[in-house]
C-alpha cells in the first residue's frame, strides 16, 4: 500500500532509550518514519501487512518493522529490528525495540 502521501496522523513521536542507542542518527529514524506513514510496513509478515492496510481506514493500531542494520536480516522481531507503532487513536507513534514492548 506504499504511497507518496501520508496515510494517517502520527500524533506525538517518541523513541525509547534503546532505539536512540541503537540508531543514534536521527535522519535514519526520520527515513523509517516516512516509510511507515506512507504504508511501507517494512519486514512484517503478510498477515500483519494486511492488518496495517485495514488499520489505516479502520483506525486500528499500525505496526511497522525495519532492520536497524539494513545489511542484516530482519524478521519482524529480533536483535536487528526496530518497531514503529502508531496507536489506534493516532495520539502517539513510538519507536521501540521488540524486547522493549
PDB file of N, CA and C in Angstrom:
ATOM      1  N   UNK A   1       0.814  -1.194   0.000  1.00  0.00           N
ATOM      2  CA  UNK A   1       0.000   0.000   0.000  1.00  0.00           C
ATOM      3  C   UNK A   1       0.861   1.262   0.000  1.00  0.00           C
ATOM      4  N   UNK A   2       2.120   1.203  -0.314  1.00  0.00           N
ATOM      5  CA  UNK A   2       3.006   2.360  -0.273  1.00  0.00           C
ATOM      6  C   UNK A   2       2.506   3.463  -1.205  1.00  0.00           C
ATOM      7  N   UNK A   3       2.424   4.684  -0.667  1.00  0.00           N
ATOM      8  CA  UNK A   3       2.027   5.853  -1.447  1.00  0.00           C
ATOM      9  C   UNK A   3       3.047   6.962  -1.240  1.00  0.00           C
ATOM     10  N   UNK A   4       2.863   8.058  -1.945  1.00  0.00           N
ATOM     11  CA  UNK A   4       3.760   9.193  -1.789  1.00  0.00           C
ATOM     12  C   UNK A   4       3.281  10.157  -0.720  1.00  0.00           C
ATOM     13  N   UNK A   5       2.007  10.064  -0.327  1.00  0.00           N
ATOM     14  CA  UNK A   5       1.482  10.991   0.676  1.00  0.00           C
ATOM     15  C   UNK A   5       1.219  10.248   1.982  1.00  0.00           C
ATOM     16  N   UNK A   6       1.274  10.953   3.104  1.00  0.00           N
ATOM     17  CA  UNK A   6       0.980  10.308   4.390  1.00  0.00           C
ATOM     18  C   UNK A   6      -0.437   9.735   4.412  1.00  0.00           C
ATOM     19  N   UNK A   7      -0.570   8.562   5.009  1.00  0.00           N
ATOM     20  CA  UNK A   7      -1.853   7.869   5.052  1.00  0.00           C
ATOM     21  C   UNK A   7      -2.627   8.101   6.348  1.00  0.00           C
ATOM     22  N   UNK A   8      -1.934   8.570   7.389  1.00  0.00           N
ATOM     23  CA  UNK A   8      -2.569   8.730   8.692  1.00  0.00           C
ATOM     24  C   UNK A   8      -1.762   9.714   9.532  1.00  0.00           C
ATOM     25  N   UNK A   9      -2.380  10.196  10.599  1.00  0.00           N
ATOM     26  CA  UNK A   9      -1.715  11.098  11.539  1.00  0.00           C
ATOM     27  C   UNK A   9      -0.781  10.292  12.438  1.00  0.00           C
ATOM     28  N   UNK A  10       0.327  10.891  12.823  1.00  0.00           N
ATOM     29  CA  UNK A  10       1.299  10.218  13.678  1.00  0.00           C
ATOM     30  C   UNK A  10       1.148  10.579  15.148  1.00  0.00           C
ATOM     31  N   UNK A  11       0.544  11.719  15.452  1.00  0.00           N
ATOM     32  CA  UNK A  11       0.483  12.179  16.840  1.00  0.00           C
ATOM     33  C   UNK A  11       1.870  12.558  17.321  1.00  0.00           C
ATOM     34  N   UNK A  12       2.065  12.480  18.636  1.00  0.00           N
ATOM     35  CA  UNK A  12       3.377  12.759  19.208  1.00  0.00           C
ATOM     36  C   UNK A  12       4.325  11.631  18.822  1.00  0.00           C
ATOM     37  N   UNK A  13       5.551  11.970  18.467  1.00  0.00           N
ATOM     38  CA  UNK A  13       6.534  10.970  18.062  1.00  0.00           C
ATOM     39  C   UNK A  13       7.562  10.822  19.177  1.00  0.00           C
ATOM     40  N   UNK A  14       7.710   9.585  19.662  1.00  0.00           N
ATOM     41  CA  UNK A  14       8.638   9.314  20.765  1.00  0.00           C
ATOM     42  C   UNK A  14       9.498   8.102  20.416  1.00  0.00           C
ATOM     43  N   UNK A  15      10.617   7.978  21.109  1.00  0.00           N
ATOM     44  CA  UNK A  15      11.517   6.839  20.922  1.00  0.00           C
ATOM     45  C   UNK A  15      12.047   6.401  22.275  1.00  0.00           C
ATOM     46  N   UNK A  16      12.199   5.107  22.430  1.00  0.00           N
ATOM     47  CA  UNK A  16      12.742   4.566  23.674  1.00  0.00           C
ATOM     48  C   UNK A  16      14.253   4.795  23.725  1.00  0.00           C
ATOM     49  N   UNK A  17      14.833   4.764  24.915  1.00  0.00           N
ATOM     50  CA  UNK A  17      16.290   4.891  25.018  1.00  0.00           C
ATOM     51  C   UNK A  17      17.026   3.811  24.220  1.00  0.00           C
ATOM     52  N   UNK A  18      16.474   2.605  24.167  1.00  0.00           N
ATOM     53  CA  UNK A  18      17.114   1.535  23.410  1.00  0.00           C
ATOM     54  C   UNK A  18      17.231   1.855  21.933  1.00  0.00           C
ATOM     55  N   UNK A  19      16.195   2.444  21.370  1.00  0.00           N
ATOM     56  CA  UNK A  19      16.235   2.826  19.957  1.00  0.00           C
ATOM     57  C   UNK A  19      17.236   3.947  19.739  1.00  0.00           C
ATOM     58  N   UNK A  20      17.235   4.925  20.621  1.00  0.00           N
ATOM     59  CA  UNK A  20      18.159   6.045  20.455  1.00  0.00           C
ATOM     60  C   UNK A  20      19.610   5.601  20.565  1.00  0.00           C
ATOM     61  N   UNK A  21      19.860   4.541  21.336  1.00  0.00           N
ATOM     62  CA  UNK A  21      21.208   3.990  21.421  1.00  0.00           C
ATOM     63  C   UNK A  21      21.535   3.164  20.170  1.00  0.00           C
ATOM     64  N   UNK A  22      20.562   2.380  19.696  1.00  0.00           N
ATOM     65  CA  UNK A  22      20.789   1.512  18.536  1.00  0.00           C
ATOM     66  C   UNK A  22      20.855   2.288  17.228  1.00  0.00           C
ATOM     67  N   UNK A  23      20.095   3.385  17.140  1.00  0.00           N
ATOM     68  CA  UNK A  23      20.052   4.208  15.916  1.00  0.00           C
ATOM     69  C   UNK A  23      20.233   5.675  16.321  1.00  0.00           C
ATOM     70  N   UNK A  24      21.456   6.086  16.600  1.00  0.00           N
ATOM     71  CA  UNK A  24      21.667   7.472  17.055  1.00  0.00           C
ATOM     72  C   UNK A  24      21.469   8.520  15.959  1.00  0.00           C
ATOM     73  N   UNK A  25      21.433   8.094  14.710  1.00  0.00           N
ATOM     74  CA  UNK A  25      21.272   9.008  13.586  1.00  0.00           C
ATOM     75  C   UNK A  25      19.790   9.361  13.426  1.00  0.00           C
ATOM     76  N   UNK A  26      19.427  10.583  13.778  1.00  0.00           N
ATOM     77  CA  UNK A  26      18.026  10.990  13.700  1.00  0.00           C
ATOM     78  C   UNK A  26      17.502  11.021  12.270  1.00  0.00           C
ATOM     79  N   UNK A  27      18.368  11.258  11.302  1.00  0.00           N
ATOM     80  CA  UNK A  27      17.939  11.234   9.902  1.00  0.00           C
ATOM     81  C   UNK A  27      17.455   9.827   9.537  1.00  0.00           C
ATOM     82  N   UNK A  28      18.174   8.814   9.992  1.00  0.00           N
ATOM     83  CA  UNK A  28      17.765   7.429   9.723  1.00  0.00           C
ATOM     84  C   UNK A  28      16.387   7.162  10.319  1.00  0.00           C
ATOM     85  N   UNK A  29      16.123   7.672  11.510  1.00  0.00           N
ATOM     86  CA  UNK A  29      14.808   7.492  12.132  1.00  0.00           C
ATOM     87  C   UNK A  29      13.726   8.191  11.322  1.00  0.00           C
ATOM     88  N   UNK A  30      14.026   9.376  10.822  1.00  0.00           N
ATOM     89  CA  UNK A  30      13.044  10.102  10.005  1.00  0.00           C
ATOM     90  C   UNK A  30      12.743   9.374   8.702  1.00  0.00           C
ATOM     91  N   UNK A  31      13.746   8.752   8.117  1.00  0.00           N
ATOM     92  CA  UNK A  31      13.535   7.972   6.888  1.00  0.00           C
ATOM     93  C   UNK A  31      12.587   6.803   7.180  1.00  0.00           C
ATOM     94  N   UNK A  32      12.816   6.095   8.285  1.00  0.00           N
ATOM     95  CA  UNK A  32      11.931   4.983   8.658  1.00  0.00           C
ATOM     96  C   UNK A  32      10.519   5.481   8.941  1.00  0.00           C
ATOM     97  N   UNK A  33      10.408   6.605   9.625  1.00  0.00           N
ATOM     98  CA  UNK A  33       9.100   7.171   9.932  1.00  0.00           C
ATOM     99  C   UNK A  33       8.360   7.551   8.646  1.00  0.00           C
ATOM    100  N   UNK A  34       9.084   8.100   7.689  1.00  0.00           N
ATOM    101  CA  UNK A  34       8.482   8.462   6.407  1.00  0.00           C
ATOM    102  C   UNK A  34       7.957   7.225   5.689  1.00  0.00           C
ATOM    103  N   UNK A  35       8.700   6.143   5.740  1.00  0.00           N
ATOM    104  CA  UNK A  35       8.239   4.899   5.115  1.00  0.00           C
ATOM    105  C   UNK A  35       6.976   4.396   5.814  1.00  0.00           C
ATOM    106  N   UNK A  36       6.990   4.409   7.140  1.00  0.00           N
ATOM    107  CA  UNK A  36       5.860   3.937   7.953  1.00  0.00           C
ATOM    108  C   UNK A  36       4.575   4.695   7.621  1.00  0.00           C
ATOM    109  N   UNK A  37       4.628   6.006   7.617  1.00  0.00           N
ATOM    110  CA  UNK A  37       3.425   6.823   7.430  1.00  0.00           C
ATOM    111  C   UNK A  37       2.897   6.765   5.998  1.00  0.00           C
ATOM    112  N   UNK A  38       3.717   6.277   5.086  1.00  0.00           N
ATOM    113  CA  UNK A  38       3.296   6.155   3.683  1.00  0.00           C
ATOM    114  C   UNK A  38       2.912   4.729   3.297  1.00  0.00           C
ATOM    115  N   UNK A  39       2.838   3.840   4.288  1.00  0.00           N
ATOM    116  CA  UNK A  39       2.358   2.494   4.028  1.00  0.00           C
ATOM    117  C   UNK A  39       3.403   1.462   3.681  1.00  0.00           C
ATOM    118  N   UNK A  40       4.685   1.782   3.863  1.00  0.00           N
ATOM    119  CA  UNK A  40       5.732   0.778   3.709  1.00  0.00           C
ATOM    120  C   UNK A  40       5.945   0.186   5.098  1.00  0.00           C
ATOM    121  N   UNK A  41       5.435  -1.019   5.321  1.00  0.00           N
ATOM    122  CA  UNK A  41       5.440  -1.622   6.657  1.00  0.00           C
ATOM    123  C   UNK A  41       6.732  -2.358   6.967  1.00  0.00           C
ATOM    124  N   UNK A  42       7.684  -2.321   6.054  1.00  0.00           N
ATOM    125  CA  UNK A  42       8.972  -2.961   6.314  1.00  0.00           C
ATOM    126  C   UNK A  42       8.889  -4.469   6.227  1.00  0.00           C
ATOM    127  N   UNK A  43       9.441  -5.152   7.227  1.00  0.00           N
ATOM    128  CA  UNK A  43       9.576  -6.608   7.170  1.00  0.00           C
ATOM    129  C   UNK A  43       8.553  -7.327   8.051  1.00  0.00           C
ATOM    130  N   UNK A  44       7.327  -6.823   8.105  1.00  0.00           N
ATOM    131  CA  UNK A  44       6.277  -7.551   8.810  1.00  0.00           C
ATOM    132  C   UNK A  44       5.761  -8.684   7.916  1.00  0.00           C
ATOM    133  N   UNK A  45       5.129  -9.670   8.525  1.00  0.00           N
ATOM    134  CA  UNK A  45       4.575 -10.778   7.745  1.00  0.00           C
ATOM    135  C   UNK A  45       3.369 -10.292   6.931  1.00  0.00           C
ATOM    136  N   UNK A  46       2.945 -11.109   5.985  1.00  0.00           N
ATOM    137  CA  UNK A  46       1.840 -10.732   5.096  1.00  0.00           C
ATOM    138  C   UNK A  46       0.552 -10.451   5.864  1.00  0.00           C
ATOM    139  N   UNK A  47       0.268 -11.235   6.900  1.00  0.00           N
ATOM    140  CA  UNK A  47      -0.949 -11.001   7.686  1.00  0.00           C
ATOM    141  C   UNK A  47      -0.900  -9.656   8.409  1.00  0.00           C
ATOM    142  N   UNK A  48       0.265  -9.319   8.968  1.00  0.00           N
ATOM    143  CA  UNK A  48       0.400  -8.026   9.655  1.00  0.00           C
ATOM    144  C   UNK A  48       0.326  -6.868   8.666  1.00  0.00           C
ATOM    145  N   UNK A  49       0.887  -7.052   7.482  1.00  0.00           N
ATOM    146  CA  UNK A  49       0.802  -6.005   6.455  1.00  0.00           C
ATOM    147  C   UNK A  49      -0.651  -5.767   6.059  1.00  0.00           C
ATOM    148  N   UNK A  50      -1.411  -6.852   5.894  1.00  0.00           N
ATOM    149  CA  UNK A  50      -2.833  -6.709   5.555  1.00  0.00           C
ATOM    150  C   UNK A  50      -3.605  -6.046   6.694  1.00  0.00           C
ATOM    151  N   UNK A  51      -3.262  -6.397   7.928  1.00  0.00           N
ATOM    152  CA  UNK A  51      -3.908  -5.760   9.086  1.00  0.00           C
ATOM    153  C   UNK A  51      -3.586  -4.275   9.134  1.00  0.00           C
ATOM    154  N   UNK A  52      -2.344  -3.904   8.803  1.00  0.00           N
ATOM    155  CA  UNK A  52      -1.970  -2.493   8.757  1.00  0.00           C
ATOM    156  C   UNK A  52      -2.747  -1.754   7.674  1.00  0.00           C
ATOM    157  N   UNK A  53      -2.868  -2.376   6.508  1.00  0.00           N
ATOM    158  CA  UNK A  53      -3.614  -1.749   5.419  1.00  0.00           C
ATOM    159  C   UNK A  53      -5.052  -1.458   5.865  1.00  0.00           C
ATOM    160  N   UNK A  54      -5.672  -2.421   6.532  1.00  0.00           N
ATOM    161  CA  UNK A  54      -7.036  -2.220   7.026  1.00  0.00           C
ATOM    162  C   UNK A  54      -7.069  -1.179   8.143  1.00  0.00           C
ATOM    163  N   UNK A  55      -6.043  -1.166   8.992  1.00  0.00           N
ATOM    164  CA  UNK A  55      -5.995  -0.242  10.129  1.00  0.00           C
ATOM    165  C   UNK A  55      -5.946   1.216   9.696  1.00  0.00           C
ATOM    166  N   UNK A  56      -5.388   1.465   8.528  1.00  0.00           N
ATOM    167  CA  UNK A  56      -5.318   2.844   8.027  1.00  0.00           C
ATOM    168  C   UNK A  56      -6.719   3.443   7.930  1.00  0.00           C
ATOM    169  N   UNK A  57      -7.666   2.672   7.441  1.00  0.00           N
ATOM    170  CA  UNK A  57      -9.028   3.198   7.280  1.00  0.00           C
ATOM    171  C   UNK A  57      -9.933   2.879   8.468  1.00  0.00           C
ATOM    172  N   UNK A  58      -9.631   1.812   9.179  1.00  0.00           N
ATOM    173  CA  UNK A  58     -10.492   1.407  10.295  1.00  0.00           C
ATOM    174  C   UNK A  58     -10.083   2.004  11.635  1.00  0.00           C
ATOM    175  N   UNK A  59      -8.908   2.655  11.667  1.00  0.00           N
ATOM    176  CA  UNK A  59      -8.484   3.319  12.886  1.00  0.00           C
ATOM    177  C   UNK A  59      -7.906   2.410  13.946  1.00  0.00           C
ATOM    178  N   UNK A  60      -7.282   1.312  13.540  1.00  0.00           N
ATOM    179  CA  UNK A  60      -6.620   0.423  14.488  1.00  0.00           C
ATOM    180  C   UNK A  60      -5.138   0.749  14.576  1.00  0.00           C
ATOM    181  N   UNK A  61      -4.452   0.073  15.485  1.00  0.00           N
ATOM    182  CA  UNK A  61      -3.014   0.261  15.675  1.00  0.00           C
ATOM    183  C   UNK A  61      -2.264  -0.195  14.433  1.00  0.00           C
ATOM    184  N   UNK A  62      -1.162   0.502  14.112  1.00  0.00           N
ATOM    185  CA  UNK A  62      -0.337   0.185  12.951  1.00  0.00           C
ATOM    186  C   UNK A  62       1.081  -0.088  13.432  1.00  0.00           C
ATOM    187  N   UNK A  63       1.650  -1.215  12.973  1.00  0.00           N
ATOM    188  CA  UNK A  63       2.998  -1.598  13.372  1.00  0.00           C
ATOM    189  C   UNK A  63       3.855  -1.884  12.152  1.00  0.00           C
ATOM    190  N   UNK A  64       4.990  -1.206  12.064  1.00  0.00           N
ATOM    191  CA  UNK A  64       5.988  -1.478  11.031  1.00  0.00           C
ATOM    192  C   UNK A  64       7.233  -2.028  11.710  1.00  0.00           C
ATOM    193  N   UNK A  65       8.002  -2.800  10.969  1.00  0.00           N
ATOM    194  CA  UNK A  65       9.252  -3.359  11.487  1.00  0.00           C
ATOM    195  C   UNK A  65      10.341  -3.159  10.438  1.00  0.00           C
ATOM    196  N   UNK A  66      11.458  -2.601  10.864  1.00  0.00           N
ATOM    197  CA  UNK A  66      12.552  -2.317   9.949  1.00  0.00           C
ATOM    198  C   UNK A  66      13.870  -2.792  10.539  1.00  0.00           C
ATOM    199  N   UNK A  67      14.832  -3.169   9.685  1.00  0.00           N
ATOM    200  CA  UNK A  67      16.144  -3.563  10.203  1.00  0.00           C
ATOM    201  C   UNK A  67      16.909  -2.350  10.718  1.00  0.00           C
ATOM    202  N   UNK A  68      17.593  -2.547  11.817  1.00  0.00           N
ATOM    203  CA  UNK A  68      18.487  -1.500  12.323  1.00  0.00           C
ATOM    204  C   UNK A  68      19.670  -1.384  11.375  1.00  0.00           C
ATOM    205  N   UNK A  69      20.247  -2.508  11.034  1.00  0.00           N
ATOM    206  CA  UNK A  69      21.318  -2.570  10.038  1.00  0.00           C
ATOM    207  C   UNK A  69      20.720  -3.188   8.778  1.00  0.00           C
ATOM    208  N   UNK A  70      20.521  -2.395   7.720  1.00  0.00           N
ATOM    209  CA  UNK A  70      19.873  -2.908   6.521  1.00  0.00           C
ATOM    210  C   UNK A  70      20.651  -4.014   5.810  1.00  0.00           C
ATOM    211  N   UNK A  71      21.900  -4.229   6.189  1.00  0.00           N
ATOM    212  CA  UNK A  71      22.709  -5.288   5.577  1.00  0.00           C
ATOM    213  C   UNK A  71      22.523  -6.639   6.258  1.00  0.00           C
ATOM    214  N   UNK A  72      21.700  -6.668   7.311  1.00  0.00           N
ATOM    215  CA  UNK A  72      21.442  -7.908   8.043  1.00  0.00           C
ATOM    216  C   UNK A  72      19.962  -8.247   7.967  1.00  0.00           C
ATOM    217  N   UNK A  73      19.655  -9.506   8.208  1.00  0.00           N
ATOM    218  CA  UNK A  73      18.283  -9.998   8.156  1.00  0.00           C
ATOM    219  C   UNK A  73      17.452  -9.402   9.292  1.00  0.00           C
ATOM    220  N   UNK A  74      16.203  -9.093   8.973  1.00  0.00           N
ATOM    221  CA  UNK A  74      15.247  -8.619   9.966  1.00  0.00           C
ATOM    222  C   UNK A  74      13.948  -9.352   9.707  1.00  0.00           C
ATOM    223  N   UNK A  75      13.552 -10.202  10.640  1.00  0.00           N
ATOM    224  CA  UNK A  75      12.200 -10.761  10.553  1.00  0.00           C
ATOM    225  C   UNK A  75      11.302  -9.635  11.039  1.00  0.00           C
ATOM    226  N   UNK A  76      10.271  -9.894  11.771  1.00  0.00           N
ATOM    227  CA  UNK A  76       9.513  -8.780  12.335  1.00  0.00           C
ATOM    228  C   UNK A  76       9.811  -8.642  13.824  1.00  0.00           C
ATOM    229  N   UNK A  77      10.930  -9.226  14.233  1.00  0.00           N
ATOM    230  CA  UNK A  77      11.352  -9.199  15.631  1.00  0.00           C
ATOM    231  C   UNK A  77      12.839  -9.542  15.678  1.00  0.00           C
ATOM    232  N   UNK A  78      13.438  -9.498  16.839  1.00  0.00           N
ATOM    233  CA  UNK A  78      14.826  -9.926  16.983  1.00  0.00           C
ATOM    234  C   UNK A  78      15.792  -8.790  17.198  1.00  0.00           C
ATOM    235  N   UNK A  79      17.063  -9.149  17.231  1.00  0.00           N
ATOM    236  CA  UNK A  79      18.124  -8.209  17.587  1.00  0.00           C
ATOM    237  C   UNK A  79      18.337  -7.093  16.580  1.00  0.00           C
ATOM    238  N   UNK A  80      18.026  -7.328  15.333  1.00  0.00           N
ATOM    239  CA  UNK A  80      18.281  -6.322  14.297  1.00  0.00           C
ATOM    240  C   UNK A  80      16.992  -5.651  13.842  1.00  0.00           C
ATOM    241  N   UNK A  81      16.086  -5.412  14.762  1.00  0.00           N
ATOM    242  CA  UNK A  81      14.772  -4.910  14.370  1.00  0.00           C
ATOM    243  C   UNK A  81      14.360  -3.714  15.234  1.00  0.00           C
ATOM    244  N   UNK A  82      13.771  -2.737  14.584  1.00  0.00           N
ATOM    245  CA  UNK A  82      13.137  -1.627  15.289  1.00  0.00           C
ATOM    246  C   UNK A  82      11.668  -1.616  14.859  1.00  0.00           C
ATOM    247  N   UNK A  83      10.804  -1.439  15.832  1.00  0.00           N
ATOM    248  CA  UNK A  83       9.373  -1.324  15.553  1.00  0.00           C
ATOM    249  C   UNK A  83       8.962   0.131  15.586  1.00  0.00           C
ATOM    250  N   UNK A  84       7.990   0.468  14.764  1.00  0.00           N
ATOM    251  CA  UNK A  84       7.312   1.765  14.839  1.00  0.00           C
ATOM    252  C   UNK A  84       5.831   1.443  14.999  1.00  0.00           C
ATOM    253  N   UNK A  85       5.253   1.913  16.097  1.00  0.00           N
ATOM    254  CA  UNK A  85       3.846   1.650  16.384  1.00  0.00           C
ATOM    255  C   UNK A  85       3.098   2.973  16.492  1.00  0.00           C
ATOM    256  N   UNK A  86       2.057   3.106  15.676  1.00  0.00           N
ATOM    257  CA  UNK A  86       1.138   4.238  15.793  1.00  0.00           C
ATOM    258  C   UNK A  86      -0.128   3.719  16.450  1.00  0.00           C
ATOM    259  N   UNK A  87      -0.488   4.335  17.563  1.00  0.00           N
ATOM    260  CA  UNK A  87      -1.652   3.885  18.329  1.00  0.00           C
ATOM    261  C   UNK A  87      -2.939   4.110  17.548  1.00  0.00           C
ATOM    262  N   UNK A  88      -3.954   3.344  17.899  1.00  0.00           N
ATOM    263  CA  UNK A  88      -5.239   3.386  17.200  1.00  0.00           C
ATOM    264  C   UNK A  88      -5.851   4.782  17.193  1.00  0.00           C
ATOM    265  N   UNK A  89      -5.700   5.515  18.292  1.00  0.00           N
ATOM    266  CA  UNK A  89      -6.293   6.860  18.357  1.00  0.00           C
ATOM    267  C   UNK A  89      -5.409   7.915  17.699  1.00  0.00           C
ATOM    268  N   UNK A  90      -4.275   7.475  17.142  1.00  0.00           N
ATOM    269  CA  UNK A  90      -3.323   8.347  16.430  1.00  0.00           C
ATOM    270  C   UNK A  90      -2.737   9.439  17.329  1.00  0.00           C
ATOM    271  N   UNK A  91      -2.725   9.203  18.635  1.00  0.00           N
ATOM    272  CA  UNK A  91      -2.195  10.198  19.565  1.00  0.00           C
ATOM    273  C   UNK A  91      -0.679  10.133  19.683  1.00  0.00           C
ATOM    274  N   UNK A  92      -0.098   8.981  19.407  1.00  0.00           N
ATOM    275  CA  UNK A  92       1.347   8.823  19.567  1.00  0.00           C
ATOM    276  C   UNK A  92       1.865   7.739  18.624  1.00  0.00           C
ATOM    277  N   UNK A  93       3.085   7.971  18.146  1.00  0.00           N
ATOM    278  CA  UNK A  93       3.829   6.986  17.369  1.00  0.00           C
ATOM    279  C   UNK A  93       5.138   6.750  18.103  1.00  0.00           C
ATOM    280  N   UNK A  94       5.442   5.474  18.365  1.00  0.00           N
ATOM    281  CA  UNK A  94       6.592   5.115  19.182  1.00  0.00           C
ATOM    282  C   UNK A  94       7.580   4.263  18.406  1.00  0.00           C
ATOM    283  N   UNK A  95       8.860   4.639  18.476  1.00  0.00           N
ATOM    284  CA  UNK A  95       9.956   3.797  18.016  1.00  0.00           C
ATOM    285  C   UNK A  95      10.374   2.962  19.219  1.00  0.00           C
ATOM    286  N   UNK A  96      10.442   1.633  19.060  1.00  0.00           N
ATOM    287  CA  UNK A  96      10.907   0.791  20.142  1.00  0.00           C
ATOM    288  C   UNK A  96      11.531  -0.479  19.596  1.00  0.00           C
ATOM    289  N   UNK A  97      12.342  -1.096  20.441  1.00  0.00           N
ATOM    290  CA  UNK A  97      12.902  -2.393  20.107  1.00  0.00           C
ATOM    291  C   UNK A  97      11.905  -3.460  20.542  1.00  0.00           C
ATOM    292  N   UNK A  98      11.848  -4.593  19.836  1.00  0.00           N
ATOM    293  CA  UNK A  98      10.878  -5.620  20.207  1.00  0.00           C
ATOM    294  C   UNK A  98      10.945  -6.052  21.661  1.00  0.00           C
ATOM    295  N   UNK A  99      12.148  -6.130  22.231  1.00  0.00           N
ATOM    296  CA  UNK A  99      12.248  -6.554  23.628  1.00  0.00           C
ATOM    297  C   UNK A  99      11.848  -5.454  24.616  1.00  0.00           C
ATOM    298  N   UNK A 100      11.532  -4.284  24.117  1.00  0.00           N
ATOM    299  CA  UNK A 100      11.042  -3.202  24.979  1.00  0.00           C
ATOM    300  C   UNK A 100       9.519  -3.137  25.011  1.00  0.00           C
ATOM    301  N   UNK A 101       8.854  -3.998  24.261  1.00  0.00           N
ATOM    302  CA  UNK A 101       7.391  -3.996  24.182  1.00  0.00           C
ATOM    303  C   UNK A 101       6.783  -4.547  25.453  1.00  0.00           C
TER     304      UNK A 101
END
